C-alpha atoms as a PDB file:
ATOM      1  CA  MET A   1     -20.682  27.691 -52.179  1.00  0.00           C
ATOM      2  CA  ILE A   2     -18.630  26.367 -54.420  1.00  0.00           C
ATOM      3  CA  LYS A   3     -15.560  26.034 -52.032  1.00  0.00           C
ATOM      4  CA  ARG A   4     -18.083  24.564 -48.984  1.00  0.00           C
ATOM      5  CA  VAL A   5     -18.744  21.469 -51.462  1.00  0.00           C
ATOM      6  CA  ILE A   6     -14.846  21.402 -52.650  1.00  0.00           C
ATOM      7  CA  VAL A   7     -14.395  21.190 -49.163  1.00  0.00           C
ATOM      8  CA  LEU A   8     -16.881  18.714 -48.092  1.00  0.00           C
ATOM      9  CA  LEU A   9     -15.461  16.278 -50.887  1.00  0.00           C
ATOM     10  CA  VAL A  10     -12.035  16.969 -49.639  1.00  0.00           C
ATOM     11  CA  LEU A  11     -13.171  15.932 -45.875  1.00  0.00           C
ATOM     12  CA  SER A  12     -15.397  13.132 -46.600  1.00  0.00           C
ATOM     13  CA  SER A  13     -12.532  11.367 -49.215  1.00  0.00           C
ATOM     14  CA  ILE A  14     -10.248  11.850 -45.890  1.00  0.00           C
ATOM     15  CA  LEU A  15     -12.704  10.041 -43.949  1.00  0.00           C
ATOM     16  CA  VAL A  16     -13.757   7.163 -46.557  1.00  0.00           C
ATOM     17  CA  THR A  17      -9.696   6.878 -46.665  1.00  0.00           C
ATOM     18  CA  LEU A  18      -9.515   6.712 -42.951  1.00  0.00           C
ATOM     19  CA  VAL A  19     -12.220   4.081 -42.400  1.00  0.00           C
ATOM     20  CA  TRP A  20     -11.103   1.813 -45.129  1.00  0.00           C
ATOM     21  CA  VAL A  21      -7.469   1.789 -43.563  1.00  0.00           C
ATOM     22  CA  LYS A  22      -8.619   0.569 -40.467  1.00  0.00           C
ATOM     23  CA  ASN A  23     -10.564  -2.347 -41.347  1.00  0.00           C
ATOM     24  CA  HIS A  24      -7.979  -3.341 -43.566  1.00  0.00           C
ATOM     25  CA  PRO A  25      -4.668  -3.840 -41.579  1.00  0.00           C
ATOM     26  CA  THR A  26      -1.519  -5.127 -42.934  1.00  0.00           C
ATOM     27  CA  ALA A  27      -0.153  -8.079 -41.803  1.00  0.00           C
ATOM     28  CA  PRO A  28       2.493  -7.189 -39.120  1.00  0.00           C
ATOM     29  CA  VAL A  29       6.338  -7.628 -39.830  1.00  0.00           C
ATOM     30  CA  ASN A  30       8.374 -10.089 -38.422  1.00  0.00           C
ATOM     31  CA  ASN A  31      11.977  -9.767 -38.695  1.00  0.00           C
ATOM     32  CA  ILE A  32      12.674 -13.438 -36.345  1.00  0.00           C
ATOM     33  CA  SER A  33      13.448 -16.145 -38.479  1.00  0.00           C
ATOM     34  CA  THR A  34      10.701 -18.516 -37.489  1.00  0.00           C
ATOM     35  CA  LYS A  35       9.356 -22.071 -38.403  1.00  0.00           C
ATOM     36  CA  SER A  36       5.686 -22.437 -37.569  1.00  0.00           C
ATOM     37  CA  ASP A  37       3.179 -25.028 -38.651  1.00  0.00           C
ATOM     38  CA  VAL A  38      -0.345 -23.827 -39.827  1.00  0.00           C
ATOM     39  CA  SER A  39      -1.977 -26.460 -37.639  1.00  0.00           C
ATOM     40  CA  SER A  40       0.244 -25.840 -34.745  1.00  0.00           C
ATOM     41  CA  LYS A  41      -0.730 -23.460 -31.781  1.00  0.00           C
ATOM     42  CA  TYR A  42       2.816 -22.090 -31.433  1.00  0.00           C
ATOM     43  CA  THR A  43       5.503 -20.503 -33.534  1.00  0.00           C
ATOM     44  CA  THR A  44       8.996 -21.749 -32.668  1.00  0.00           C
ATOM     45  CA  VAL A  45      12.141 -19.837 -32.838  1.00  0.00           C
ATOM     46  CA  GLU A  46      15.758 -21.199 -32.483  1.00  0.00           C
ATOM     47  CA  TYR A  47      17.900 -20.001 -30.433  1.00  0.00           C
ATOM     48  CA  LYS A  48      21.913 -21.117 -29.127  1.00  0.00           C
ATOM     49  CA  ILE A  49      22.419 -21.068 -25.747  1.00  0.00           C
ATOM     50  CA  SER A  50      25.447 -18.505 -25.375  1.00  0.00           C
ATOM     51  CA  LYS A  51      25.430 -18.029 -21.450  1.00  0.00           C
ATOM     52  CA  ILE A  52      23.978 -19.745 -18.238  1.00  0.00           C
ATOM     53  CA  LYS A  53      23.998 -18.286 -14.873  1.00  0.00           C
ATOM     54  CA  GLY A  54      22.299 -19.516 -12.112  1.00  0.00           C
ATOM     55  CA  LYS A  55      18.824 -20.677 -13.324  1.00  0.00           C
ATOM     56  CA  GLN A  56      18.822 -18.193 -16.150  1.00  0.00           C
ATOM     57  CA  TYR A  57      19.355 -18.898 -19.741  1.00  0.00           C
ATOM     58  CA  TYR A  58      20.795 -16.953 -22.036  1.00  0.00           C
ATOM     59  CA  GLY A  59      20.103 -17.448 -25.681  1.00  0.00           C
ATOM     60  CA  GLU A  60      20.852 -15.842 -28.943  1.00  0.00           C
ATOM     61  CA  GLY A  61      19.158 -16.597 -32.674  1.00  0.00           C
ATOM     62  CA  GLU A  62      20.563 -16.378 -36.404  1.00  0.00           C
ATOM     63  CA  ASN A  63      19.356 -12.635 -36.581  1.00  0.00           C
ATOM     64  CA  GLY A  64      20.971 -11.572 -33.395  1.00  0.00           C
ATOM     65  CA  GLU A  65      17.665 -11.568 -31.376  1.00  0.00           C
ATOM     66  CA  GLU A  66      18.924 -12.626 -27.645  1.00  0.00           C
ATOM     67  CA  ILE A  67      16.374 -14.239 -25.350  1.00  0.00           C
ATOM     68  CA  VAL A  68      16.336 -14.810 -21.231  1.00  0.00           C
ATOM     69  CA  PHE A  69      14.469 -17.703 -19.720  1.00  0.00           C
ATOM     70  CA  ALA A  70      14.379 -19.314 -16.429  1.00  0.00           C
ATOM     71  CA  ALA A  71      14.972 -22.759 -15.996  1.00  0.00           C
ATOM     72  CA  GLU A  72      11.472 -23.749 -15.402  1.00  0.00           C
ATOM     73  CA  LYS A  73      10.021 -22.632 -19.420  1.00  0.00           C
ATOM     74  CA  ILE A  74      12.280 -25.886 -20.124  1.00  0.00           C
ATOM     75  CA  VAL A  75       9.721 -28.799 -20.369  1.00  0.00           C
ATOM     76  CA  SER A  76      11.913 -31.748 -20.980  1.00  0.00           C
ATOM     77  CA  GLY A  77      13.962 -32.841 -18.638  1.00  0.00           C
ATOM     78  CA  ASP A  78      17.176 -32.474 -20.925  1.00  0.00           C
ATOM     79  CA  ASN A  79      20.634 -30.936 -19.594  1.00  0.00           C
ATOM     80  CA  ILE A  80      21.213 -28.076 -21.452  1.00  0.00           C
ATOM     81  CA  GLN A  81      24.508 -26.676 -21.716  1.00  0.00           C
ATOM     82  CA  VAL A  82      26.275 -23.468 -23.367  1.00  0.00           C
ATOM     83  CA  HIS A  83      26.357 -23.913 -27.585  1.00  0.00           C
ATOM     84  CA  ASP A  84      23.579 -25.797 -27.662  1.00  0.00           C
ATOM     85  CA  ASP A  85      20.374 -25.269 -29.457  1.00  0.00           C
ATOM     86  CA  VAL A  86      17.200 -24.568 -28.221  1.00  0.00           C
ATOM     87  CA  ILE A  87      13.414 -24.331 -29.963  1.00  0.00           C
ATOM     88  CA  CYS A  88      11.474 -21.723 -27.851  1.00  0.00           C
ATOM     89  CA  TYR A  89       7.817 -21.814 -28.309  1.00  0.00           C
ATOM     90  CA  PHE A  90       5.392 -18.690 -28.318  1.00  0.00           C
ATOM     91  CA  GLU A  91       1.667 -18.437 -28.612  1.00  0.00           C
ATOM     92  CA  LYS A  92       1.323 -18.453 -32.768  1.00  0.00           C
ATOM     93  CA  ASN A  93       0.280 -14.918 -33.616  1.00  0.00           C
ATOM     94  CA  ASN A  94       1.097 -13.445 -30.545  1.00  0.00           C
ATOM     95  CA  LEU A  95       5.499 -13.239 -29.684  1.00  0.00           C
ATOM     96  CA  GLY A  96       4.349 -10.344 -26.914  1.00  0.00           C
ATOM     97  CA  LYS A  97       2.600 -12.884 -24.600  1.00  0.00           C
ATOM     98  CA  GLY A  98       5.695 -14.685 -23.887  1.00  0.00           C
ATOM     99  CA  LEU A  99       7.840 -17.722 -23.820  1.00  0.00           C
ATOM    100  CA  VAL A 100       5.493 -20.724 -23.627  1.00  0.00           C
ATOM    101  CA  LYS A 101       8.041 -23.689 -23.338  1.00  0.00           C
ATOM    102  CA  VAL A 102      11.695 -24.715 -24.117  1.00  0.00           C
ATOM    103  CA  GLU A 103      13.273 -27.971 -25.781  1.00  0.00           C
ATOM    104  CA  LYS A 104      16.767 -28.787 -26.548  1.00  0.00           C
ATOM    105  CA  LYS A 105      16.858 -29.472 -30.238  1.00  0.00           C
END
């Protein structure tokens, strides 16, 4: 009988711990150097254009992170060249949805 009570207590404590962890997730780790304004709906990341191939632009961030985007993402009429700095806009708190727009810095 005492063994059953001990097993019940252990399993109950594991269940309570799992429920607590599920309801209190930690903040996601973001290793990308970003600048964001709390009132803005975008997260921005700066890249330096390393290569242009047709209408595809290749960029590299300060931390070595790379990006490829099409010319259609450039909202301004700026002529972006190799070694130019650009600002890429992503939806805030969700970099997985993709690139929203690109502007020359």
